[in-house]
All heavy atoms as atom14 arrays in JSON, in Angstrom:
{
  "sequence": "CVVSGSIFSIYAMGWYRQAPGKERELVAVINSDRSTRYADSVKGRF",
  "atom14_mask": [
    [1, 1, 1, 1, 1, 1, 0, 0, 0, 0, 0, 0, 0, 0],
    [1, 1, 1, 1, 1, 1, 1, 0, 0, 0, 0, 0, 0, 0],
    [1, 1, 1, 1, 1, 1, 1, 0, 0, 0, 0, 0, 0, 0],
    [1, 1, 1, 1, 1, 1, 0, 0, 0, 0, 0, 0, 0, 0],
    [1, 1, 1, 1, 0, 0, 0, 0, 0, 0, 0, 0, 0, 0],
    [1, 1, 1, 1, 1, 1, 0, 0, 0, 0, 0, 0, 0, 0],
    [1, 1, 1, 1, 1, 1, 1, 1, 0, 0, 0, 0, 0, 0],
    [1, 1, 1, 1, 1, 1, 1, 1, 1, 1, 1, 0, 0, 0],
    [1, 1, 1, 1, 1, 1, 0, 0, 0, 0, 0, 0, 0, 0],
    [1, 1, 1, 1, 1, 1, 1, 1, 0, 0, 0, 0, 0, 0],
    [1, 1, 1, 1, 1, 1, 1, 1, 1, 1, 1, 1, 0, 0],
    [1, 1, 1, 1, 1, 0, 0, 0, 0, 0, 0, 0, 0, 0],
    [1, 1, 1, 1, 1, 1, 1, 1, 0, 0, 0, 0, 0, 0],
    [1, 1, 1, 1, 0, 0, 0, 0, 0, 0, 0, 0, 0, 0],
    [1, 1, 1, 1, 1, 1, 1, 1, 1, 1, 1, 1, 1, 1],
    [1, 1, 1, 1, 1, 1, 1, 1, 1, 1, 1, 1, 0, 0],
    [1, 1, 1, 1, 1, 1, 1, 1, 1, 1, 1, 0, 0, 0],
    [1, 1, 1, 1, 1, 1, 1, 1, 1, 0, 0, 0, 0, 0],
    [1, 1, 1, 1, 1, 0, 0, 0, 0, 0, 0, 0, 0, 0],
    [1, 1, 1, 1, 1, 1, 1, 0, 0, 0, 0, 0, 0, 0],
    [1, 1, 1, 1, 0, 0, 0, 0, 0, 0, 0, 0, 0, 0],
    [1, 1, 1, 1, 1, 1, 1, 1, 1, 0, 0, 0, 0, 0],
    [1, 1, 1, 1, 1, 1, 1, 1, 1, 0, 0, 0, 0, 0],
    [1, 1, 1, 1, 1, 1, 1, 1, 1, 1, 1, 0, 0, 0],
    [1, 1, 1, 1, 1, 1, 1, 1, 1, 0, 0, 0, 0, 0],
    [1, 1, 1, 1, 1, 1, 1, 1, 0, 0, 0, 0, 0, 0],
    [1, 1, 1, 1, 1, 1, 1, 0, 0, 0, 0, 0, 0, 0],
    [1, 1, 1, 1, 1, 0, 0, 0, 0, 0, 0, 0, 0, 0],
    [1, 1, 1, 1, 1, 1, 1, 0, 0, 0, 0, 0, 0, 0],
    [1, 1, 1, 1, 1, 1, 1, 1, 0, 0, 0, 0, 0, 0],
    [1, 1, 1, 1, 1, 1, 1, 1, 0, 0, 0, 0, 0, 0],
    [1, 1, 1, 1, 1, 1, 0, 0, 0, 0, 0, 0, 0, 0],
    [1, 1, 1, 1, 1, 1, 1, 1, 0, 0, 0, 0, 0, 0],
    [1, 1, 1, 1, 1, 1, 1, 1, 1, 1, 1, 0, 0, 0],
    [1, 1, 1, 1, 1, 1, 0, 0, 0, 0, 0, 0, 0, 0],
    [1, 1, 1, 1, 1, 1, 1, 0, 0, 0, 0, 0, 0, 0],
    [1, 1, 1, 1, 1, 1, 1, 1, 1, 1, 1, 0, 0, 0],
    [1, 1, 1, 1, 1, 1, 1, 1, 1, 1, 1, 1, 0, 0],
    [1, 1, 1, 1, 1, 0, 0, 0, 0, 0, 0, 0, 0, 0],
    [1, 1, 1, 1, 1, 1, 1, 1, 0, 0, 0, 0, 0, 0],
    [1, 1, 1, 1, 1, 1, 0, 0, 0, 0, 0, 0, 0, 0],
    [1, 1, 1, 1, 1, 1, 1, 0, 0, 0, 0, 0, 0, 0],
    [1, 1, 1, 1, 1, 1, 1, 1, 1, 0, 0, 0, 0, 0],
    [1, 1, 1, 1, 0, 0, 0, 0, 0, 0, 0, 0, 0, 0],
    [1, 1, 1, 1, 1, 1, 1, 1, 1, 1, 1, 0, 0, 0],
    [1, 1, 1, 1, 1, 1, 1, 1, 1, 1, 1, 0, 0, 0]
  ],
  "atom14_positions": [
    [[-23.57, 27.49, -3.88], [-24.4, 28.64, -4.21], [-24.84, 29.28, -2.89], [-25.57, 28.65, -2.12], [-25.6, 28.23, -5.04], [-26.79, 29.57, -5.35], [0.0, 0.0, 0.0], [0.0, 0.0, 0.0], [0.0, 0.0, 0.0], [0.0, 0.0, 0.0], [0.0, 0.0, 0.0], [0.0, 0.0, 0.0], [0.0, 0.0, 0.0], [0.0, 0.0, 0.0]],
    [[-24.38, 30.5, -2.66], [-24.73, 31.22, -1.45], [-25.86, 32.21, -1.76], [-25.78, 32.97, -2.73], [-23.52, 31.98, -0.87], [-23.92, 32.73, 0.39], [-22.39, 31.0, -0.58], [0.0, 0.0, 0.0], [0.0, 0.0, 0.0], [0.0, 0.0, 0.0], [0.0, 0.0, 0.0], [0.0, 0.0, 0.0], [0.0, 0.0, 0.0], [0.0, 0.0, 0.0]],
    [[-26.88, 32.19, -0.93], [-28.06, 33.05, -1.11], [-28.07, 34.13, -0.04], [-27.9, 33.84, 1.14], [-29.35, 32.23, -1.04], [-30.58, 33.14, -1.22], [-29.35, 31.13, -2.09], [0.0, 0.0, 0.0], [0.0, 0.0, 0.0], [0.0, 0.0, 0.0], [0.0, 0.0, 0.0], [0.0, 0.0, 0.0], [0.0, 0.0, 0.0], [0.0, 0.0, 0.0]],
    [[-28.27, 35.36, -0.46], [-28.41, 36.46, 0.49], [-29.71, 37.21, 0.2], [-30.21, 37.2, -0.92], [-27.22, 37.41, 0.4], [-27.13, 37.98, -0.9], [0.0, 0.0, 0.0], [0.0, 0.0, 0.0], [0.0, 0.0, 0.0], [0.0, 0.0, 0.0], [0.0, 0.0, 0.0], [0.0, 0.0, 0.0], [0.0, 0.0, 0.0], [0.0, 0.0, 0.0]],
    [[-30.24, 37.85, 1.23], [-31.41, 38.68, 1.05], [-32.72, 37.96, 1.07], [-33.75, 38.5, 0.68], [0.0, 0.0, 0.0], [0.0, 0.0, 0.0], [0.0, 0.0, 0.0], [0.0, 0.0, 0.0], [0.0, 0.0, 0.0], [0.0, 0.0, 0.0], [0.0, 0.0, 0.0], [0.0, 0.0, 0.0], [0.0, 0.0, 0.0], [0.0, 0.0, 0.0]],
    [[-32.73, 36.7, 1.52], [-33.97, 35.94, 1.54], [-33.94, 34.95, 2.7], [-32.88, 34.6, 3.2], [-34.15, 35.19, 0.22], [-35.29, 34.34, 0.27], [0.0, 0.0, 0.0], [0.0, 0.0, 0.0], [0.0, 0.0, 0.0], [0.0, 0.0, 0.0], [0.0, 0.0, 0.0], [0.0, 0.0, 0.0], [0.0, 0.0, 0.0], [0.0, 0.0, 0.0]],
    [[-35.13, 34.51, 3.11], [-35.21, 33.43, 4.08], [-34.96, 32.14, 3.32], [-35.85, 31.61, 2.67], [-36.58, 33.41, 4.77], [-36.87, 34.77, 5.41], [-36.64, 32.3, 5.8], [-38.28, 34.88, 5.96], [0.0, 0.0, 0.0], [0.0, 0.0, 0.0], [0.0, 0.0, 0.0], [0.0, 0.0, 0.0], [0.0, 0.0, 0.0], [0.0, 0.0, 0.0]],
    [[-33.77, 31.64, 3.42], [-33.31, 30.55, 2.56], [-34.04, 29.24, 2.84], [-34.43, 28.52, 1.92], [-31.81, 30.38, 2.76], [-31.19, 29.22, 2.06], [-30.92, 29.28, 0.71], [-30.87, 28.06, 2.75], [-30.34, 28.21, 0.05], [-30.29, 26.98, 2.09], [-30.01, 27.06, 0.75], [0.0, 0.0, 0.0], [0.0, 0.0, 0.0], [0.0, 0.0, 0.0]],
    [[-34.24, 28.91, 4.11], [-34.64, 27.55, 4.48], [-36.02, 27.14, 3.99], [-36.3, 25.96, 3.88], [-34.58, 27.4, 6.0], [-35.49, 28.29, 6.61], [0.0, 0.0, 0.0], [0.0, 0.0, 0.0], [0.0, 0.0, 0.0], [0.0, 0.0, 0.0], [0.0, 0.0, 0.0], [0.0, 0.0, 0.0], [0.0, 0.0, 0.0], [0.0, 0.0, 0.0]],
    [[-36.88, 28.11, 3.66], [-38.26, 27.75, 3.31], [-38.45, 27.49, 1.84], [-39.54, 27.1, 1.41], [-39.25, 28.85, 3.77], [-39.01, 30.16, 3.0], [-39.14, 29.07, 5.26], [-40.04, 31.22, 3.32], [0.0, 0.0, 0.0], [0.0, 0.0, 0.0], [0.0, 0.0, 0.0], [0.0, 0.0, 0.0], [0.0, 0.0, 0.0], [0.0, 0.0, 0.0]],
    [[-37.4, 27.71, 1.03], [-37.55, 27.59, -0.41], [-36.85, 26.37, -0.98], [-35.85, 25.91, -0.45], [-37.0, 28.84, -1.1], [-37.75, 30.1, -0.75], [-37.11, 31.16, -0.12], [-39.11, 30.22, -1.02], [-37.79, 32.31, 0.22], [-39.8, 31.37, -0.68], [-39.14, 32.41, -0.06], [-39.82, 33.55, 0.27], [0.0, 0.0, 0.0], [0.0, 0.0, 0.0]],
    [[-37.41, 25.9, -2.09], [-36.72, 24.88, -2.87], [-35.56, 25.53, -3.62], [-35.65, 26.68, -4.05], [-37.67, 24.22, -3.86], [0.0, 0.0, 0.0], [0.0, 0.0, 0.0], [0.0, 0.0, 0.0], [0.0, 0.0, 0.0], [0.0, 0.0, 0.0], [0.0, 0.0, 0.0], [0.0, 0.0, 0.0], [0.0, 0.0, 0.0], [0.0, 0.0, 0.0]],
    [[-34.49, 24.78, -3.74], [-33.31, 25.24, -4.48], [-32.98, 24.23, -5.56], [-33.13, 23.01, -5.36], [-32.11, 25.39, -3.54], [-32.27, 26.44, -2.48], [-32.38, 28.12, -3.15], [-30.84, 28.24, -4.05], [0.0, 0.0, 0.0], [0.0, 0.0, 0.0], [0.0, 0.0, 0.0], [0.0, 0.0, 0.0], [0.0, 0.0, 0.0], [0.0, 0.0, 0.0]],
    [[-32.53, 24.73, -6.7], [-32.2, 23.84, -7.79], [-30.91, 24.21, -8.47], [-30.44, 25.35, -8.4], [0.0, 0.0, 0.0], [0.0, 0.0, 0.0], [0.0, 0.0, 0.0], [0.0, 0.0, 0.0], [0.0, 0.0, 0.0], [0.0, 0.0, 0.0], [0.0, 0.0, 0.0], [0.0, 0.0, 0.0], [0.0, 0.0, 0.0], [0.0, 0.0, 0.0]],
    [[-30.31, 23.2, -9.08], [-29.18, 23.4, -9.98], [-29.63, 23.08, -11.4], [-30.28, 22.05, -11.63], [-28.01, 22.51, -9.59], [-27.25, 22.97, -8.39], [-27.39, 22.51, -7.12], [-26.24, 23.98, -8.35], [-26.54, 23.18, -6.28], [-25.81, 24.08, -7.01], [-25.65, 24.81, -9.3], [-24.82, 24.99, -6.61], [-24.67, 25.7, -8.91], [-24.27, 25.78, -7.57]],
    [[-29.28, 23.95, -12.32], [-29.59, 23.78, -13.73], [-28.29, 23.95, -14.52], [-27.31, 24.49, -13.99], [-30.61, 24.83, -14.2], [-31.97, 24.67, -13.58], [-32.19, 24.97, -12.24], [-33.05, 24.2, -14.33], [-33.45, 24.81, -11.66], [-34.31, 24.05, -13.77], [-34.49, 24.36, -12.44], [-35.74, 24.2, -11.88], [0.0, 0.0, 0.0], [0.0, 0.0, 0.0]],
    [[-28.29, 23.53, -15.76], [-27.11, 23.73, -16.59], [-27.52, 24.02, -18.03], [-28.6, 23.61, -18.48], [-26.19, 22.51, -16.54], [-26.76, 21.24, -17.15], [-25.82, 20.07, -16.9], [-26.31, 18.84, -17.5], [-25.75, 17.64, -17.3], [-24.67, 17.53, -16.51], [-26.26, 16.56, -17.88], [0.0, 0.0, 0.0], [0.0, 0.0, 0.0], [0.0, 0.0, 0.0]],
    [[-26.63, 24.72, -18.71], [-26.88, 25.05, -20.11], [-25.58, 24.87, -20.89], [-24.59, 25.56, -20.62], [-27.4, 26.47, -20.25], [-27.83, 26.82, -21.67], [-28.65, 28.1, -21.73], [-28.62, 28.91, -20.82], [-29.39, 28.26, -22.82], [0.0, 0.0, 0.0], [0.0, 0.0, 0.0], [0.0, 0.0, 0.0], [0.0, 0.0, 0.0], [0.0, 0.0, 0.0]],
    [[-25.61, 23.94, -21.83], [-24.47, 23.71, -22.7], [-24.62, 24.57, -23.96], [-25.73, 24.98, -24.31], [-24.4, 22.23, -23.08], [0.0, 0.0, 0.0], [0.0, 0.0, 0.0], [0.0, 0.0, 0.0], [0.0, 0.0, 0.0], [0.0, 0.0, 0.0], [0.0, 0.0, 0.0], [0.0, 0.0, 0.0], [0.0, 0.0, 0.0], [0.0, 0.0, 0.0]],
    [[-23.52, 24.85, -24.65], [-23.59, 25.69, -25.86], [-24.57, 25.11, -26.88], [-24.53, 23.92, -27.19], [-22.16, 25.65, -26.39], [-21.32, 25.4, -25.19], [-22.14, 24.49, -24.32], [0.0, 0.0, 0.0], [0.0, 0.0, 0.0], [0.0, 0.0, 0.0], [0.0, 0.0, 0.0], [0.0, 0.0, 0.0], [0.0, 0.0, 0.0], [0.0, 0.0, 0.0]],
    [[-25.47, 25.96, -27.36], [-26.43, 25.55, -28.36], [-27.59, 24.73, -27.84], [-28.41, 24.25, -28.63], [0.0, 0.0, 0.0], [0.0, 0.0, 0.0], [0.0, 0.0, 0.0], [0.0, 0.0, 0.0], [0.0, 0.0, 0.0], [0.0, 0.0, 0.0], [0.0, 0.0, 0.0], [0.0, 0.0, 0.0], [0.0, 0.0, 0.0], [0.0, 0.0, 0.0]],
    [[-27.67, 24.56, -26.52], [-28.75, 23.77, -25.94], [-29.55, 24.6, -24.96], [-29.11, 25.64, -24.5], [-28.18, 22.53, -25.24], [-27.51, 21.55, -26.17], [-27.14, 20.27, -25.44], [-26.54, 19.25, -26.38], [-26.2, 17.97, -25.67], [0.0, 0.0, 0.0], [0.0, 0.0, 0.0], [0.0, 0.0, 0.0], [0.0, 0.0, 0.0], [0.0, 0.0, 0.0]],
    [[-30.75, 24.11, -24.65], [-31.59, 24.78, -23.68], [-31.12, 24.48, -22.26], [-30.5, 23.45, -22.0], [-33.05, 24.35, -23.86], [-33.66, 24.8, -25.17], [-35.15, 24.52, -25.22], [-35.68, 23.89, -24.29], [-35.78, 24.94, -26.21], [0.0, 0.0, 0.0], [0.0, 0.0, 0.0], [0.0, 0.0, 0.0], [0.0, 0.0, 0.0], [0.0, 0.0, 0.0]],
    [[-31.46, 25.39, -21.36], [-31.15, 25.15, -19.95], [-31.98, 23.97, -19.45], [-33.18, 23.87, -19.74], [-31.45, 26.41, -19.13], [-30.92, 26.39, -17.73], [-31.06, 27.74, -17.06], [-30.31, 28.78, -17.75], [-30.15, 30.02, -17.26], [-30.69, 30.34, -16.1], [-29.46, 30.91, -17.95], [0.0, 0.0, 0.0], [0.0, 0.0, 0.0], [0.0, 0.0, 0.0]],
    [[-31.34, 23.09, -18.67], [-32.04, 21.91, -18.19], [-31.83, 21.73, -16.69], [-30.82, 22.13, -16.12], [-31.52, 20.65, -18.92], [-30.07, 20.34, -18.7], [-29.62, 19.04, -19.37], [-30.43, 18.39, -20.06], [-28.44, 18.67, -19.19], [0.0, 0.0, 0.0], [0.0, 0.0, 0.0], [0.0, 0.0, 0.0], [0.0, 0.0, 0.0], [0.0, 0.0, 0.0]],
    [[-32.82, 21.07, -16.1], [-32.75, 20.76, -14.67], [-31.69, 19.7, -14.42], [-31.62, 18.69, -15.12], [-34.1, 20.27, -14.19], [-34.15, 19.72, -12.76], [-34.03, 20.85, -11.77], [-35.43, 18.93, -12.52], [0.0, 0.0, 0.0], [0.0, 0.0, 0.0], [0.0, 0.0, 0.0], [0.0, 0.0, 0.0], [0.0, 0.0, 0.0], [0.0, 0.0, 0.0]],
    [[-30.88, 19.92, -13.38], [-29.92, 18.91, -12.94], [-30.41, 18.25, -11.66], [-30.49, 17.02, -11.57], [-28.53, 19.54, -12.71], [-27.56, 18.51, -12.15], [-28.0, 20.15, -14.0], [0.0, 0.0, 0.0], [0.0, 0.0, 0.0], [0.0, 0.0, 0.0], [0.0, 0.0, 0.0], [0.0, 0.0, 0.0], [0.0, 0.0, 0.0], [0.0, 0.0, 0.0]],
    [[-30.74, 19.06, -10.65], [-31.17, 18.53, -9.36], [-31.93, 19.6, -8.6], [-31.68, 20.79, -8.79], [-29.98, 18.05, -8.55], [0.0, 0.0, 0.0], [0.0, 0.0, 0.0], [0.0, 0.0, 0.0], [0.0, 0.0, 0.0], [0.0, 0.0, 0.0], [0.0, 0.0, 0.0], [0.0, 0.0, 0.0], [0.0, 0.0, 0.0], [0.0, 0.0, 0.0]],
    [[-32.84, 19.14, -7.76], [-33.64, 20.03, -6.92], [-33.64, 19.48, -5.5], [-33.71, 18.25, -5.32], [-35.09, 20.15, -7.43], [-35.95, 20.89, -6.42], [-35.12, 20.85, -8.78], [0.0, 0.0, 0.0], [0.0, 0.0, 0.0], [0.0, 0.0, 0.0], [0.0, 0.0, 0.0], [0.0, 0.0, 0.0], [0.0, 0.0, 0.0], [0.0, 0.0, 0.0]],
    [[-33.58, 20.38, -4.51], [-33.75, 19.99, -3.11], [-34.81, 20.89, -2.51], [-34.74, 22.12, -2.6], [-32.41, 20.04, -2.33], [-32.62, 19.53, -0.91], [-31.8, 21.44, -2.35], [-31.29, 19.2, -0.19], [0.0, 0.0, 0.0], [0.0, 0.0, 0.0], [0.0, 0.0, 0.0], [0.0, 0.0, 0.0], [0.0, 0.0, 0.0], [0.0, 0.0, 0.0]],
    [[-35.8, 20.28, -1.9], [-36.9, 21.03, -1.31], [-36.59, 21.44, 0.12], [-35.56, 21.05, 0.68], [-38.17, 20.19, -1.37], [-38.61, 19.93, -2.8], [-38.77, 20.85, -3.6], [-38.78, 18.66, -3.15], [0.0, 0.0, 0.0], [0.0, 0.0, 0.0], [0.0, 0.0, 0.0], [0.0, 0.0, 0.0], [0.0, 0.0, 0.0], [0.0, 0.0, 0.0]],
    [[-37.49, 22.21, 0.7], [-37.28, 22.68, 2.07], [-37.24, 21.51, 3.06], [-36.6, 21.61, 4.11], [-38.35, 23.69, 2.47], [-39.64, 23.11, 2.36], [0.0, 0.0, 0.0], [0.0, 0.0, 0.0], [0.0, 0.0, 0.0], [0.0, 0.0, 0.0], [0.0, 0.0, 0.0], [0.0, 0.0, 0.0], [0.0, 0.0, 0.0], [0.0, 0.0, 0.0]],
    [[-37.92, 20.41, 2.72], [-37.89, 19.24, 3.6], [-36.71, 18.31, 3.27], [-36.64, 17.19, 3.76], [-39.21, 18.46, 3.5], [-39.46, 17.9, 2.11], [-38.63, 18.12, 1.2], [-40.51, 17.25, 1.91], [0.0, 0.0, 0.0], [0.0, 0.0, 0.0], [0.0, 0.0, 0.0], [0.0, 0.0, 0.0], [0.0, 0.0, 0.0], [0.0, 0.0, 0.0]],
    [[-35.83, 18.78, 2.4], [-34.61, 18.08, 1.97], [-34.89, 16.89, 1.05], [-33.98, 16.11, 0.77], [-33.74, 17.65, 3.15], [-33.26, 18.82, 3.99], [-32.37, 18.38, 5.13], [-32.05, 19.5, 6.02], [-31.04, 20.34, 5.85], [-30.22, 20.17, 4.83], [-30.83, 21.33, 6.68], [0.0, 0.0, 0.0], [0.0, 0.0, 0.0], [0.0, 0.0, 0.0]],
    [[-36.1, 16.72, 0.58], [-36.33, 15.73, -0.46], [-35.65, 16.21, -1.74], [-35.51, 17.42, -1.96], [-37.83, 15.52, -0.69], [-38.46, 16.74, -1.07], [0.0, 0.0, 0.0], [0.0, 0.0, 0.0], [0.0, 0.0, 0.0], [0.0, 0.0, 0.0], [0.0, 0.0, 0.0], [0.0, 0.0, 0.0], [0.0, 0.0, 0.0], [0.0, 0.0, 0.0]],
    [[-35.23, 15.27, -2.57], [-34.45, 15.62, -3.74], [-34.99, 14.96, -5.01], [-35.72, 13.97, -4.96], [-32.98, 15.18, -3.56], [-32.93, 13.77, -3.32], [-32.32, 15.92, -2.42], [0.0, 0.0, 0.0], [0.0, 0.0, 0.0], [0.0, 0.0, 0.0], [0.0, 0.0, 0.0], [0.0, 0.0, 0.0], [0.0, 0.0, 0.0], [0.0, 0.0, 0.0]],
    [[-34.61, 15.53, -6.13], [-34.97, 14.99, -7.44], [-33.82, 15.26, -8.38], [-33.22, 16.34, -8.32], [-36.26, 15.66, -7.93], [-36.74, 15.24, -9.29], [-38.2, 15.66, -9.48], [-38.42, 17.09, -9.23], [-38.44, 18.01, -10.19], [-38.23, 17.67, -11.44], [-38.67, 19.28, -9.88], [0.0, 0.0, 0.0], [0.0, 0.0, 0.0], [0.0, 0.0, 0.0]],
    [[-33.52, 14.29, -9.25], [-32.38, 14.41, -10.15], [-32.77, 14.11, -11.59], [-33.67, 13.3, -11.85], [-31.28, 13.42, -9.76], [-30.66, 13.68, -8.41], [-31.17, 13.07, -7.27], [-29.56, 14.53, -8.28], [-30.61, 13.31, -6.03], [-28.98, 14.76, -7.05], [-29.52, 14.15, -5.92], [-28.95, 14.38, -4.69], [0.0, 0.0, 0.0], [0.0, 0.0, 0.0]],
    [[-32.05, 14.73, -12.51], [-32.17, 14.34, -13.9], [-31.6, 12.93, -14.06], [-30.65, 12.56, -13.37], [-31.4, 15.31, -14.79], [0.0, 0.0, 0.0], [0.0, 0.0, 0.0], [0.0, 0.0, 0.0], [0.0, 0.0, 0.0], [0.0, 0.0, 0.0], [0.0, 0.0, 0.0], [0.0, 0.0, 0.0], [0.0, 0.0, 0.0], [0.0, 0.0, 0.0]],
    [[-32.2, 12.16, -14.96], [-31.73, 10.78, -15.16], [-30.24, 10.74, -15.52], [-29.53, 9.81, -15.13], [-32.55, 10.1, -16.26], [-33.96, 9.78, -15.81], [-34.22, 9.77, -14.59], [-34.81, 9.53, -16.68], [0.0, 0.0, 0.0], [0.0, 0.0, 0.0], [0.0, 0.0, 0.0], [0.0, 0.0, 0.0], [0.0, 0.0, 0.0], [0.0, 0.0, 0.0]],
    [[-29.78, 11.74, -16.24], [-28.4, 11.73, -16.73], [-27.36, 11.88, -15.63], [-26.18, 11.6, -15.85], [-28.21, 12.85, -17.76], [-28.5, 14.11, -17.19], [0.0, 0.0, 0.0], [0.0, 0.0, 0.0], [0.0, 0.0, 0.0], [0.0, 0.0, 0.0], [0.0, 0.0, 0.0], [0.0, 0.0, 0.0], [0.0, 0.0, 0.0], [0.0, 0.0, 0.0]],
    [[-27.79, 12.33, -14.44], [-26.81, 12.54, -13.35], [-27.08, 11.67, -12.14], [-26.3, 11.7, -11.18], [-26.78, 14.03, -12.92], [-26.53, 14.93, -14.12], [-28.04, 14.43, -12.18], [0.0, 0.0, 0.0], [0.0, 0.0, 0.0], [0.0, 0.0, 0.0], [0.0, 0.0, 0.0], [0.0, 0.0, 0.0], [0.0, 0.0, 0.0], [0.0, 0.0, 0.0]],
    [[-28.14, 10.89, -12.16], [-28.47, 10.03, -11.01], [-27.31, 9.09, -10.71], [-26.74, 8.48, -11.61], [-29.73, 9.23, -11.3], [-31.02, 9.99, -11.12], [-32.23, 9.1, -11.4], [-33.51, 9.88, -11.26], [-34.7, 9.06, -11.63], [0.0, 0.0, 0.0], [0.0, 0.0, 0.0], [0.0, 0.0, 0.0], [0.0, 0.0, 0.0], [0.0, 0.0, 0.0]],
    [[-26.98, 9.0, -9.43], [-25.89, 8.13, -9.0], [-24.53, 8.77, -9.09], [-23.54, 8.22, -8.58], [0.0, 0.0, 0.0], [0.0, 0.0, 0.0], [0.0, 0.0, 0.0], [0.0, 0.0, 0.0], [0.0, 0.0, 0.0], [0.0, 0.0, 0.0], [0.0, 0.0, 0.0], [0.0, 0.0, 0.0], [0.0, 0.0, 0.0], [0.0, 0.0, 0.0]],
    [[-24.43, 9.93, -9.73], [-23.13, 10.62, -9.86], [-23.13, 11.97, -9.13], [-22.09, 12.37, -8.6], [-22.81, 10.86, -11.34], [-22.7, 9.6, -12.17], [-22.18, 9.9, -13.57], [-23.06, 10.79, -14.33], [-22.68, 11.95, -14.86], [-21.44, 12.38, -14.7], [-23.55, 12.69, -15.54], [0.0, 0.0, 0.0], [0.0, 0.0, 0.0], [0.0, 0.0, 0.0]],
    [[-24.25, 12.66, -9.13], [-24.36, 13.99, -8.51], [-25.19, 13.9, -7.24], [-26.14, 13.12, -7.17], [-25.02, 14.98, -9.46], [-24.21, 15.37, -10.67], [-23.05, 14.69, -11.04], [-24.63, 16.42, -11.47], [-22.32, 15.05, -12.15], [-23.91, 16.8, -12.59], [-22.75, 16.11, -12.93], [0.0, 0.0, 0.0], [0.0, 0.0, 0.0], [0.0, 0.0, 0.0]]
  ]
}
């Protein structure tokens, strides 16, 4: 995911996903300090 038009490094970035008929859900987040958080369903794989 390439970001333009913003100071990228100071913001948290996240990946989300939406399957057909389901709500959008969090997959993973990385903060400006590079700390991360994952959904349980993808831990150890993503």
